[in-house]
PDB file of N, CA and C in Angstrom:
ATOM      1  N   UNK A   1      -6.705  39.317  17.290  1.00  0.00           N
ATOM      2  CA  UNK A   1      -6.624  40.661  16.258  1.00  0.00           C
ATOM      3  C   UNK A   1      -5.667  40.024  14.564  1.00  0.00           C
ATOM      4  N   UNK A   2      -6.342  40.522  13.959  1.00  0.00           N
ATOM      5  CA  UNK A   2      -6.392  40.201  12.468  1.00  0.00           C
ATOM      6  C   UNK A   2      -4.851  40.666  11.947  1.00  0.00           C
ATOM      7  N   UNK A   3      -4.139  40.048  11.120  1.00  0.00           N
ATOM      8  CA  UNK A   3      -2.590  40.613  10.845  1.00  0.00           C
ATOM      9  C   UNK A   3      -3.033  41.830   9.829  1.00  0.00           C
ATOM     10  N   UNK A   4      -3.977  42.463   9.318  1.00  0.00           N
ATOM     11  CA  UNK A   4      -4.317  43.430   8.776  1.00  0.00           C
ATOM     12  C   UNK A   4      -4.010  44.499   9.823  1.00  0.00           C
ATOM     13  N   UNK A   5      -5.138  44.168  11.071  1.00  0.00           N
ATOM     14  CA  UNK A   5      -5.337  45.196  12.186  1.00  0.00           C
ATOM     15  C   UNK A   5      -3.661  45.707  12.440  1.00  0.00           C
ATOM     16  N   UNK A   6      -3.314  44.551  12.783  1.00  0.00           N
ATOM     17  CA  UNK A   6      -1.628  44.503  13.507  1.00  0.00           C
ATOM     18  C   UNK A   6      -0.681  45.189  12.375  1.00  0.00           C
ATOM     19  N   UNK A   7      -0.804  45.246  11.404  1.00  0.00           N
ATOM     20  CA  UNK A   7      -0.264  46.098  10.491  1.00  0.00           C
ATOM     21  C   UNK A   7      -0.450  47.635  10.475  1.00  0.00           C
ATOM     22  N   UNK A   8      -1.954  47.899  10.023  1.00  0.00           N
ATOM     23  CA  UNK A   8      -2.737  49.190  10.420  1.00  0.00           C
ATOM     24  C   UNK A   8      -2.290  50.006  11.881  1.00  0.00           C
ATOM     25  N   UNK A   9      -2.115  49.396  12.961  1.00  0.00           N
ATOM     26  CA  UNK A   9      -2.088  49.670  13.816  1.00  0.00           C
ATOM     27  C   UNK A   9      -0.140  50.004  13.919  1.00  0.00           C
ATOM     28  N   UNK A  10       0.427  49.209  13.462  1.00  0.00           N
ATOM     29  CA  UNK A  10       1.810  49.673  13.301  1.00  0.00           C
ATOM     30  C   UNK A  10       2.146  50.608  12.725  1.00  0.00           C
ATOM     31  N   UNK A  11       1.540  50.642  11.034  1.00  0.00           N
ATOM     32  CA  UNK A  11       1.669  51.609  10.593  1.00  0.00           C
ATOM     33  C   UNK A  11       1.545  53.219  10.805  1.00  0.00           C
ATOM     34  N   UNK A  12       0.417  53.312  11.864  1.00  0.00           N
ATOM     35  CA  UNK A  12      -0.499  54.593  12.405  1.00  0.00           C
ATOM     36  C   UNK A  12       0.621  54.675  13.062  1.00  0.00           C
ATOM     37  N   UNK A  13       1.221  54.080  14.112  1.00  0.00           N
ATOM     38  CA  UNK A  13       1.844  54.478  15.659  1.00  0.00           C
ATOM     39  C   UNK A  13       3.439  55.021  15.336  1.00  0.00           C
ATOM     40  N   UNK A  14       3.909  54.113  13.754  1.00  0.00           N
ATOM     41  CA  UNK A  14       5.076  54.476  13.383  1.00  0.00           C
ATOM     42  C   UNK A  14       5.035  56.128  12.841  1.00  0.00           C
ATOM     43  N   UNK A  15       3.996  56.578  12.752  1.00  0.00           N
ATOM     44  CA  UNK A  15       3.830  57.797  11.760  1.00  0.00           C
ATOM     45  C   UNK A  15       3.310  58.923  12.516  1.00  0.00           C
ATOM     46  N   UNK A  16       4.310  59.632  13.477  1.00  0.00           N
ATOM     47  CA  UNK A  16       4.091  60.579  14.744  1.00  0.00           C
ATOM     48  C   UNK A  16       2.904  61.738  13.996  1.00  0.00           C
ATOM     49  N   UNK A  17       3.231  61.877  13.004  1.00  0.00           N
ATOM     50  CA  UNK A  17       1.922  63.016  12.578  1.00  0.00           C
ATOM     51  C   UNK A  17       0.555  62.264  12.785  1.00  0.00           C
ATOM     52  N   UNK A  18       0.496  61.171  12.807  1.00  0.00           N
ATOM     53  CA  UNK A  18      -1.092  60.798  12.149  1.00  0.00           C
ATOM     54  C   UNK A  18      -1.779  60.384  13.616  1.00  0.00           C
ATOM     55  N   UNK A  19      -0.960  60.659  14.562  1.00  0.00           N
ATOM     56  CA  UNK A  19      -1.269  60.167  16.210  1.00  0.00           C
ATOM     57  C   UNK A  19      -2.192  61.482  16.515  1.00  0.00           C
ATOM     58  N   UNK A  20      -1.813  62.952  16.332  1.00  0.00           N
ATOM     59  CA  UNK A  20      -2.365  64.139  16.329  1.00  0.00           C
ATOM     60  C   UNK A  20      -3.133  64.793  15.368  1.00  0.00           C
ATOM     61  N   UNK A  21      -3.152  64.308  14.251  1.00  0.00           N
ATOM     62  CA  UNK A  21      -4.111  64.367  13.167  1.00  0.00           C
ATOM     63  C   UNK A  21      -4.803  63.571  12.741  1.00  0.00           C
ATOM     64  N   UNK A  22      -6.262  64.038  12.915  1.00  0.00           N
ATOM     65  CA  UNK A  22      -7.347  63.250  12.117  1.00  0.00           C
ATOM     66  C   UNK A  22      -7.311  62.925  10.777  1.00  0.00           C
ATOM     67  N   UNK A  23      -7.313  63.839  10.200  1.00  0.00           N
ATOM     68  CA  UNK A  23      -7.442  63.615   8.763  1.00  0.00           C
ATOM     69  C   UNK A  23      -5.996  63.197   8.147  1.00  0.00           C
ATOM     70  N   UNK A  24      -4.402  63.448   8.650  1.00  0.00           N
ATOM     71  CA  UNK A  24      -3.652  62.595   8.393  1.00  0.00           C
ATOM     72  C   UNK A  24      -3.962  60.716   8.585  1.00  0.00           C
ATOM     73  N   UNK A  25      -4.944  60.627  10.055  1.00  0.00           N
ATOM     74  CA  UNK A  25      -4.881  59.279   9.994  1.00  0.00           C
ATOM     75  C   UNK A  25      -5.816  58.604   9.025  1.00  0.00           C
ATOM     76  N   UNK A  26      -6.889  59.351   8.881  1.00  0.00           N
ATOM     77  CA  UNK A  26      -7.869  58.904   7.454  1.00  0.00           C
ATOM     78  C   UNK A  26      -7.048  58.711   6.481  1.00  0.00           C
ATOM     79  N   UNK A  27      -6.047  59.461   5.869  1.00  0.00           N
ATOM     80  CA  UNK A  27      -5.311  59.274   4.913  1.00  0.00           C
ATOM     81  C   UNK A  27      -4.494  58.109   4.918  1.00  0.00           C
ATOM     82  N   UNK A  28      -3.959  57.677   6.252  1.00  0.00           N
ATOM     83  CA  UNK A  28      -3.108  56.402   6.196  1.00  0.00           C
ATOM     84  C   UNK A  28      -4.365  54.993   6.030  1.00  0.00           C
ATOM     85  N   UNK A  29      -5.135  55.385   6.580  1.00  0.00           N
ATOM     86  CA  UNK A  29      -6.094  54.209   6.361  1.00  0.00           C
ATOM     87  C   UNK A  29      -6.284  54.237   4.845  1.00  0.00           C
ATOM     88  N   UNK A  30      -6.830  55.111   4.072  1.00  0.00           N
ATOM     89  CA  UNK A  30      -7.031  55.075   2.512  1.00  0.00           C
ATOM     90  C   UNK A  30      -5.933  54.488   2.000  1.00  0.00           C
ATOM     91  N   UNK A  31      -4.657  54.588   2.236  1.00  0.00           N
ATOM     92  CA  UNK A  31      -3.343  54.013   1.551  1.00  0.00           C
ATOM     93  C   UNK A  31      -3.282  52.565   1.688  1.00  0.00           C
ATOM     94  N   UNK A  32      -3.173  52.466   3.068  1.00  0.00           N
ATOM     95  CA  UNK A  32      -3.671  51.151   3.646  1.00  0.00           C
ATOM     96  C   UNK A  32      -4.590  50.114   2.691  1.00  0.00           C
ATOM     97  N   UNK A  33      -5.586  50.933   2.578  1.00  0.00           N
ATOM     98  CA  UNK A  33      -6.820  50.302   2.106  1.00  0.00           C
ATOM     99  C   UNK A  33      -6.173  50.172   0.427  1.00  0.00           C
ATOM    100  N   UNK A  34      -5.979  50.970  -0.273  1.00  0.00           N
ATOM    101  CA  UNK A  34      -5.290  51.279  -1.573  1.00  0.00           C
ATOM    102  C   UNK A  34      -4.398  49.863  -2.027  1.00  0.00           C
ATOM    103  N   UNK A  35      -3.693  49.740  -0.593  1.00  0.00           N
ATOM    104  CA  UNK A  35      -2.629  48.429  -1.091  1.00  0.00           C
ATOM    105  C   UNK A  35      -3.262  47.044  -0.522  1.00  0.00           C
ATOM    106  N   UNK A  36      -4.761  47.135  -0.226  1.00  0.00           N
ATOM    107  CA  UNK A  36      -5.145  45.634  -0.268  1.00  0.00           C
ATOM    108  C   UNK A  36      -6.065  45.560  -1.476  1.00  0.00           C
ATOM    109  N   UNK A  37      -6.620  46.523  -2.062  1.00  0.00           N
ATOM    110  CA  UNK A  37      -7.559  46.287  -3.288  1.00  0.00           C
ATOM    111  C   UNK A  37      -7.074  46.262  -4.540  1.00  0.00           C
ATOM    112  N   UNK A  38      -6.055  47.022  -4.840  1.00  0.00           N
ATOM    113  CA  UNK A  38      -5.733  46.718  -5.718  1.00  0.00           C
ATOM    114  C   UNK A  38      -4.945  45.355  -6.455  1.00  0.00           C
ATOM    115  N   UNK A  39      -4.058  44.811  -5.482  1.00  0.00           N
ATOM    116  CA  UNK A  39      -3.890  43.496  -5.883  1.00  0.00           C
ATOM    117  C   UNK A  39      -4.903  42.537  -5.773  1.00  0.00           C
ATOM    118  N   UNK A  40      -6.091  42.378  -5.190  1.00  0.00           N
ATOM    119  CA  UNK A  40      -6.934  41.921  -4.936  1.00  0.00           C
ATOM    120  C   UNK A  40      -7.905  42.185  -6.358  1.00  0.00           C
ATOM    121  N   UNK A  41      -8.014  43.328  -6.791  1.00  0.00           N
ATOM    122  CA  UNK A  41      -8.569  43.538  -8.515  1.00  0.00           C
ATOM    123  C   UNK A  41      -7.833  42.702  -9.430  1.00  0.00           C
ATOM    124  N   UNK A  42      -6.220  42.849  -9.264  1.00  0.00           N
ATOM    125  CA  UNK A  42      -5.572  42.138  -9.889  1.00  0.00           C
ATOM    126  C   UNK A  42      -5.705  40.476  -9.900  1.00  0.00           C
ATOM    127  N   UNK A  43      -5.704  40.319  -9.323  1.00  0.00           N
ATOM    128  CA  UNK A  43      -6.019  38.745  -9.229  1.00  0.00           C
ATOM    129  C   UNK A  43      -7.235  38.297  -9.769  1.00  0.00           C
ATOM    130  N   UNK A  44      -8.194  39.294 -10.351  1.00  0.00           N
ATOM    131  CA  UNK A  44      -9.244  38.926 -11.283  1.00  0.00           C
ATOM    132  C   UNK A  44      -9.072  38.961 -12.592  1.00  0.00           C
ATOM    133  N   UNK A  45      -9.873  38.953 -13.250  1.00  0.00           N
ATOM    134  CA  UNK A  45      -9.879  39.282 -14.578  1.00  0.00           C
ATOM    135  C   UNK A  45     -10.097  40.663 -15.124  1.00  0.00           C
ATOM    136  N   UNK A  46     -10.460  41.372 -13.929  1.00  0.00           N
ATOM    137  CA  UNK A  46     -10.774  42.879 -14.123  1.00  0.00           C
ATOM    138  C   UNK A  46     -10.146  43.798 -14.967  1.00  0.00           C
ATOM    139  N   UNK A  47      -8.682  43.654 -14.721  1.00  0.00           N
ATOM    140  CA  UNK A  47      -7.950  44.521 -15.742  1.00  0.00           C
ATOM    141  C   UNK A  47      -7.822  43.859 -17.238  1.00  0.00           C
ATOM    142  N   UNK A  48      -8.267  43.259 -17.376  1.00  0.00           N
ATOM    143  CA  UNK A  48      -8.177  42.170 -18.998  1.00  0.00           C
ATOM    144  C   UNK A  48      -8.899  43.453 -19.617  1.00  0.00           C
ATOM    145  N   UNK A  49      -9.791  44.401 -19.466  1.00  0.00           N
ATOM    146  CA  UNK A  49     -10.396  45.004 -20.109  1.00  0.00           C
ATOM    147  C   UNK A  49     -10.723  46.480 -19.314  1.00  0.00           C
ATOM    148  N   UNK A  50     -10.024  46.580 -18.329  1.00  0.00           N
ATOM    149  CA  UNK A  50      -9.861  48.010 -17.707  1.00  0.00           C
ATOM    150  C   UNK A  50      -8.535  48.275 -17.462  1.00  0.00           C
ATOM    151  N   UNK A  51      -8.316  49.568 -17.368  1.00  0.00           N
ATOM    152  CA  UNK A  51      -7.404  50.635 -17.287  1.00  0.00           C
ATOM    153  C   UNK A  51      -7.359  50.988 -16.148  1.00  0.00           C
ATOM    154  N   UNK A  52      -6.466  51.169 -15.024  1.00  0.00           N
ATOM    155  CA  UNK A  52      -6.286  52.071 -13.835  1.00  0.00           C
ATOM    156  C   UNK A  52      -5.991  53.544 -14.320  1.00  0.00           C
ATOM    157  N   UNK A  53      -6.192  54.387 -13.753  1.00  0.00           N
ATOM    158  CA  UNK A  53      -5.916  55.763 -14.553  1.00  0.00           C
ATOM    159  C   UNK A  53      -6.528  56.653 -13.301  1.00  0.00           C
ATOM    160  N   UNK A  54      -5.948  58.352 -13.553  1.00  0.00           N
ATOM    161  CA  UNK A  54      -6.292  59.144 -12.848  1.00  0.00           C
ATOM    162  C   UNK A  54      -5.074  58.973 -11.509  1.00  0.00           C
ATOM    163  N   UNK A  55      -5.239  60.154 -10.517  1.00  0.00           N
ATOM    164  CA  UNK A  55      -4.547  60.608  -9.945  1.00  0.00           C
ATOM    165  C   UNK A  55      -4.019  59.587  -8.856  1.00  0.00           C
ATOM    166  N   UNK A  56      -4.653  58.843  -8.469  1.00  0.00           N
ATOM    167  CA  UNK A  56      -4.305  57.845  -7.502  1.00  0.00           C
ATOM    168  C   UNK A  56      -3.277  57.073  -8.210  1.00  0.00           C
ATOM    169  N   UNK A  57      -3.834  56.599  -9.525  1.00  0.00           N
ATOM    170  CA  UNK A  57      -2.761  55.808 -10.395  1.00  0.00           C
ATOM    171  C   UNK A  57      -1.018  56.640 -10.615  1.00  0.00           C
ATOM    172  N   UNK A  58      -1.466  57.733 -10.357  1.00  0.00           N
ATOM    173  CA  UNK A  58      -0.321  58.398 -10.945  1.00  0.00           C
ATOM    174  C   UNK A  58       0.376  58.441  -9.600  1.00  0.00           C
ATOM    175  N   UNK A  59      -0.462  58.666  -8.460  1.00  0.00           N
ATOM    176  CA  UNK A  59       0.580  58.674  -7.143  1.00  0.00           C
ATOM    177  C   UNK A  59       1.232  57.400  -6.690  1.00  0.00           C
ATOM    178  N   UNK A  60       0.417  56.060  -6.995  1.00  0.00           N
ATOM    179  CA  UNK A  60       1.117  55.111  -6.650  1.00  0.00           C
ATOM    180  C   UNK A  60       2.052  54.195  -7.647  1.00  0.00           C
ATOM    181  N   UNK A  61       1.792  54.899  -9.144  1.00  0.00           N
ATOM    182  CA  UNK A  61       2.556  54.116  -9.681  1.00  0.00           C
ATOM    183  C   UNK A  61       3.935  54.834 -10.033  1.00  0.00           C
ATOM    184  N   UNK A  62       3.607  56.338 -10.235  1.00  0.00           N
ATOM    185  CA  UNK A  62       5.258  57.430 -10.109  1.00  0.00           C
ATOM    186  C   UNK A  62       5.085  58.311  -9.239  1.00  0.00           C
ATOM    187  N   UNK A  63       4.648  58.302  -8.020  1.00  0.00           N
ATOM    188  CA  UNK A  63       5.015  58.775  -6.907  1.00  0.00           C
ATOM    189  C   UNK A  63       4.787  60.563  -6.919  1.00  0.00           C
ATOM    190  N   UNK A  64       3.765  60.426  -7.495  1.00  0.00           N
ATOM    191  CA  UNK A  64       3.264  61.854  -7.853  1.00  0.00           C
ATOM    192  C   UNK A  64       2.968  62.347  -5.955  1.00  0.00           C
ATOM    193  N   UNK A  65       3.411  63.798  -6.006  1.00  0.00           N
ATOM    194  CA  UNK A  65       3.029  63.873  -4.441  1.00  0.00           C
ATOM    195  C   UNK A  65       2.080  64.890  -4.563  1.00  0.00           C
ATOM    196  N   UNK A  66       1.248  64.193  -5.020  1.00  0.00           N
ATOM    197  CA  UNK A  66      -0.224  64.621  -4.706  1.00  0.00           C
ATOM    198  C   UNK A  66      -1.784  63.536  -3.805  1.00  0.00           C
ATOM    199  N   UNK A  67      -1.990  63.964  -3.548  1.00  0.00           N
ATOM    200  CA  UNK A  67      -3.237  63.012  -2.552  1.00  0.00           C
ATOM    201  C   UNK A  67      -4.610  62.753  -3.605  1.00  0.00           C
ATOM    202  N   UNK A  68      -4.706  61.533  -3.784  1.00  0.00           N
ATOM    203  CA  UNK A  68      -6.124  61.642  -4.428  1.00  0.00           C
ATOM    204  C   UNK A  68      -6.642  59.773  -4.217  1.00  0.00           C
ATOM    205  N   UNK A  69      -7.764  59.920  -3.252  1.00  0.00           N
ATOM    206  CA  UNK A  69      -8.130  59.046  -2.907  1.00  0.00           C
ATOM    207  C   UNK A  69      -9.086  57.842  -3.667  1.00  0.00           C
ATOM    208  N   UNK A  70      -9.764  58.277  -4.948  1.00  0.00           N
ATOM    209  CA  UNK A  70     -10.718  57.470  -5.245  1.00  0.00           C
ATOM    210  C   UNK A  70      -9.694  56.577  -6.514  1.00  0.00           C
ATOM    211  N   UNK A  71     -10.630  55.714  -6.741  1.00  0.00           N
ATOM    212  CA  UNK A  71      -9.762  55.392  -8.101  1.00  0.00           C
ATOM    213  C   UNK A  71     -10.902  54.995  -9.285  1.00  0.00           C
ATOM    214  N   UNK A  72     -10.317  55.551 -10.382  1.00  0.00           N
ATOM    215  CA  UNK A  72     -10.585  56.122 -11.481  1.00  0.00           C
ATOM    216  C   UNK A  72     -10.075  54.774 -12.702  1.00  0.00           C
ATOM    217  N   UNK A  73     -11.170  53.762 -13.322  1.00  0.00           N
ATOM    218  CA  UNK A  73     -10.796  52.973 -14.480  1.00  0.00           C
ATOM    219  C   UNK A  73     -11.672  53.061 -15.602  1.00  0.00           C
ATOM    220  N   UNK A  74     -10.745  52.850 -16.775  1.00  0.00           N
ATOM    221  CA  UNK A  74     -11.408  53.258 -17.908  1.00  0.00           C
ATOM    222  C   UNK A  74     -12.025  51.859 -18.621  1.00  0.00           C
ATOM    223  N   UNK A  75     -12.677  51.197 -19.554  1.00  0.00           N
ATOM    224  CA  UNK A  75     -12.763  50.448 -20.033  1.00  0.00           C
ATOM    225  C   UNK A  75     -11.747  50.393 -21.355  1.00  0.00           C
ATOM    226  N   UNK A  76     -10.862  49.533 -21.720  1.00  0.00           N
ATOM    227  CA  UNK A  76     -10.130  49.408 -22.808  1.00  0.00           C
ATOM    228  C   UNK A  76     -10.714  49.233 -24.223  1.00  0.00           C
ATOM    229  N   UNK A  77     -11.853  48.392 -23.883  1.00  0.00           N
ATOM    230  CA  UNK A  77     -13.415  48.540 -25.251  1.00  0.00           C
ATOM    231  C   UNK A  77     -14.305  48.605 -24.568  1.00  0.00           C
ATOM    232  N   UNK A  78     -14.854  48.978 -25.308  1.00  0.00           N
ATOM    233  CA  UNK A  78     -16.431  49.863 -24.980  1.00  0.00           C
ATOM    234  C   UNK A  78     -17.363  48.204 -25.112  1.00  0.00           C
ATOM    235  N   UNK A  79     -17.537  47.966 -23.634  1.00  0.00           N
ATOM    236  CA  UNK A  79     -18.118  46.733 -23.892  1.00  0.00           C
ATOM    237  C   UNK A  79     -19.237  46.887 -22.508  1.00  0.00           C
ATOM    238  N   UNK A  80     -19.690  47.916 -22.441  1.00  0.00           N
ATOM    239  CA  UNK A  80     -20.576  48.486 -21.198  1.00  0.00           C
ATOM    240  C   UNK A  80     -21.718  47.572 -21.469  1.00  0.00           C
ATOM    241  N   UNK A  81     -22.296  47.062 -22.280  1.00  0.00           N
ATOM    242  CA  UNK A  81     -23.709  46.104 -22.337  1.00  0.00           C
ATOM    243  C   UNK A  81     -23.454  44.908 -21.689  1.00  0.00           C
ATOM    244  N   UNK A  82     -21.974  44.557 -21.815  1.00  0.00           N
ATOM    245  CA  UNK A  82     -21.692  43.050 -21.323  1.00  0.00           C
ATOM    246  C   UNK A  82     -21.017  43.135 -19.974  1.00  0.00           C
ATOM    247  N   UNK A  83     -21.092  44.357 -19.476  1.00  0.00           N
ATOM    248  CA  UNK A  83     -20.533  44.659 -17.925  1.00  0.00           C
ATOM    249  C   UNK A  83     -21.664  44.147 -16.709  1.00  0.00           C
ATOM    250  N   UNK A  84     -21.010  43.887 -16.035  1.00  0.00           N
ATOM    251  CA  UNK A  84     -21.999  43.511 -14.603  1.00  0.00           C
ATOM    252  C   UNK A  84     -21.277  44.066 -13.574  1.00  0.00           C
ATOM    253  N   UNK A  85     -21.737  44.817 -13.011  1.00  0.00           N
ATOM    254  CA  UNK A  85     -21.013  45.674 -11.825  1.00  0.00           C
ATOM    255  C   UNK A  85     -21.835  45.099 -10.750  1.00  0.00           C
ATOM    256  N   UNK A  86     -21.413  45.155  -9.496  1.00  0.00           N
ATOM    257  CA  UNK A  86     -21.963  44.524  -8.545  1.00  0.00           C
ATOM    258  C   UNK A  86     -22.651  46.242  -7.256  1.00  0.00           C
ATOM    259  N   UNK A  87     -23.459  45.634  -6.820  1.00  0.00           N
ATOM    260  CA  UNK A  87     -23.999  46.798  -6.499  1.00  0.00           C
ATOM    261  C   UNK A  87     -24.195  46.443  -4.684  1.00  0.00           C
ATOM    262  N   UNK A  88     -23.405  47.881  -4.434  1.00  0.00           N
ATOM    263  CA  UNK A  88     -23.168  47.302  -3.247  1.00  0.00           C
ATOM    264  C   UNK A  88     -23.750  48.634  -2.074  1.00  0.00           C
TER     265      UNK A  88
END
């Protein structure tokens, strides 16, 4: 079992509310994924021209008591012509 799986299981098991509530369980998984994805993006040059904003940013960086699970970014300079996204 991977370290991530062990961490996720430990986090879920330590939160009694998640055991019996599917919605809270899903939110907890999203929270863990946010903690993985943002640092990985920070290892690239993505933030050299993009800023993280919106409800998720407010929740993570300022402790806003509201749940938001999407990532909102804005380009610091309009370089849309040269931006190459990844098709998923």
